[in-house]
Amino acid sequence: MIVMSNDSAERTIIPILISKADCASILGVSVRAIDYLITNKKLESRRLGRRVLVVRSSVLRFAAKDNPEPLCQ
């Protein structure tokens, strides 16, 4: 987890790994499309027990590939 803060009172926790459902929501595609992207090595993932989690930085890289504008993190 990454903790970002401007001061000690406000802290935002940004997860390093996200669920396939959250990843699909972020990219605006189906969970099946996320499975396809993971299978074809377009997105990095990690398995924790039965869960498959997607590496957040790989989602940002994937989204930025065809977008010349910098994405906010």
Protein backbone atom coordinates (compact mmCIF):
# COMPACT_ATOMS: atom_id res chain seq x y z
CA MET A 1 0.00 0.00 0.00
CA ILE A 2 1.12 3.52 -0.75
CA VAL A 3 0.20 6.25 1.72
CA MET A 4 0.07 9.75 0.29
CA SER A 5 -0.42 12.75 2.54
CA ASN A 6 -0.05 16.49 2.57
CA ASP A 7 -0.14 16.59 6.32
CA SER A 8 -0.56 14.09 9.13
CA ALA A 9 -4.33 14.71 9.38
CA GLU A 10 -5.14 13.70 5.78
CA ARG A 11 -3.94 10.36 4.50
CA THR A 12 -5.02 8.60 1.35
CA ILE A 13 -4.23 4.93 1.04
CA ILE A 14 -3.65 3.81 -2.55
CA PRO A 15 -3.63 0.01 -2.97
CA ILE A 16 -0.80 -1.58 -4.93
CA LEU A 17 -2.98 -4.53 -5.95
CA ILE A 18 -6.61 -4.20 -7.08
CA SER A 19 -9.33 -6.75 -7.76
CA LYS A 20 -10.25 -7.72 -11.31
CA ALA A 21 -13.69 -6.16 -10.79
CA ASP A 22 -12.16 -2.84 -9.69
CA CYS A 23 -9.70 -2.99 -12.58
CA ALA A 24 -12.56 -3.57 -15.03
CA SER A 25 -14.43 -0.61 -13.57
CA ILE A 26 -11.37 1.65 -13.86
CA LEU A 27 -10.79 0.71 -17.50
CA GLY A 28 -14.49 0.58 -18.40
CA VAL A 29 -14.40 -3.01 -19.63
CA SER A 30 -15.75 -6.37 -18.47
CA VAL A 31 -14.06 -8.70 -15.99
CA ARG A 32 -13.72 -11.17 -18.87
CA ALA A 33 -11.73 -8.55 -20.79
CA ILE A 34 -9.42 -8.21 -17.76
CA ASP A 35 -8.95 -12.00 -17.77
CA TYR A 36 -8.00 -11.78 -21.46
CA LEU A 37 -5.50 -8.97 -20.79
CA ILE A 38 -3.93 -10.93 -17.92
CA THR A 39 -3.70 -14.12 -20.03
CA ASN A 40 -2.02 -12.21 -22.86
CA LYS A 41 0.45 -10.52 -20.48
CA LYS A 42 -0.94 -7.02 -21.08
CA LEU A 43 -1.62 -6.64 -17.33
CA GLU A 44 0.48 -7.96 -14.45
CA SER A 45 -1.32 -9.95 -11.78
CA ARG A 46 -0.62 -11.77 -8.54
CA ARG A 47 -2.45 -14.75 -7.08
CA LEU A 48 -3.28 -14.68 -3.37
CA GLY A 49 -5.00 -17.94 -2.55
CA ARG A 50 -8.02 -18.09 -4.87
CA ARG A 51 -7.98 -14.38 -5.60
CA VAL A 52 -6.30 -12.86 -8.63
CA LEU A 53 -5.25 -9.26 -8.07
CA VAL A 54 -3.99 -6.85 -10.71
CA VAL A 55 -0.90 -4.70 -10.17
CA ARG A 56 -2.08 -1.08 -10.14
CA SER A 57 0.99 0.27 -11.96
CA SER A 58 0.39 -2.13 -14.87
CA VAL A 59 -3.17 -0.77 -15.21
CA LEU A 60 -1.83 2.79 -15.40
CA ARG A 61 0.82 1.76 -17.95
CA PHE A 62 -1.79 -0.06 -20.05
CA ALA A 63 -4.14 2.94 -19.99
CA ALA A 64 -1.33 5.34 -20.89
CA LYS A 65 -0.05 3.35 -23.90
CA ASP A 66 -2.31 5.02 -26.47
CA ASN A 67 -2.83 8.23 -24.52
CA PRO A 68 -0.14 10.93 -25.01
CA GLU A 69 -1.56 12.99 -22.12
CA PRO A 70 -0.13 12.13 -18.69
CA LEU A 71 -2.57 10.34 -16.41
CA CYS A 72 -2.97 11.53 -12.84
CA GLN A 73 -1.99 8.96 -10.22
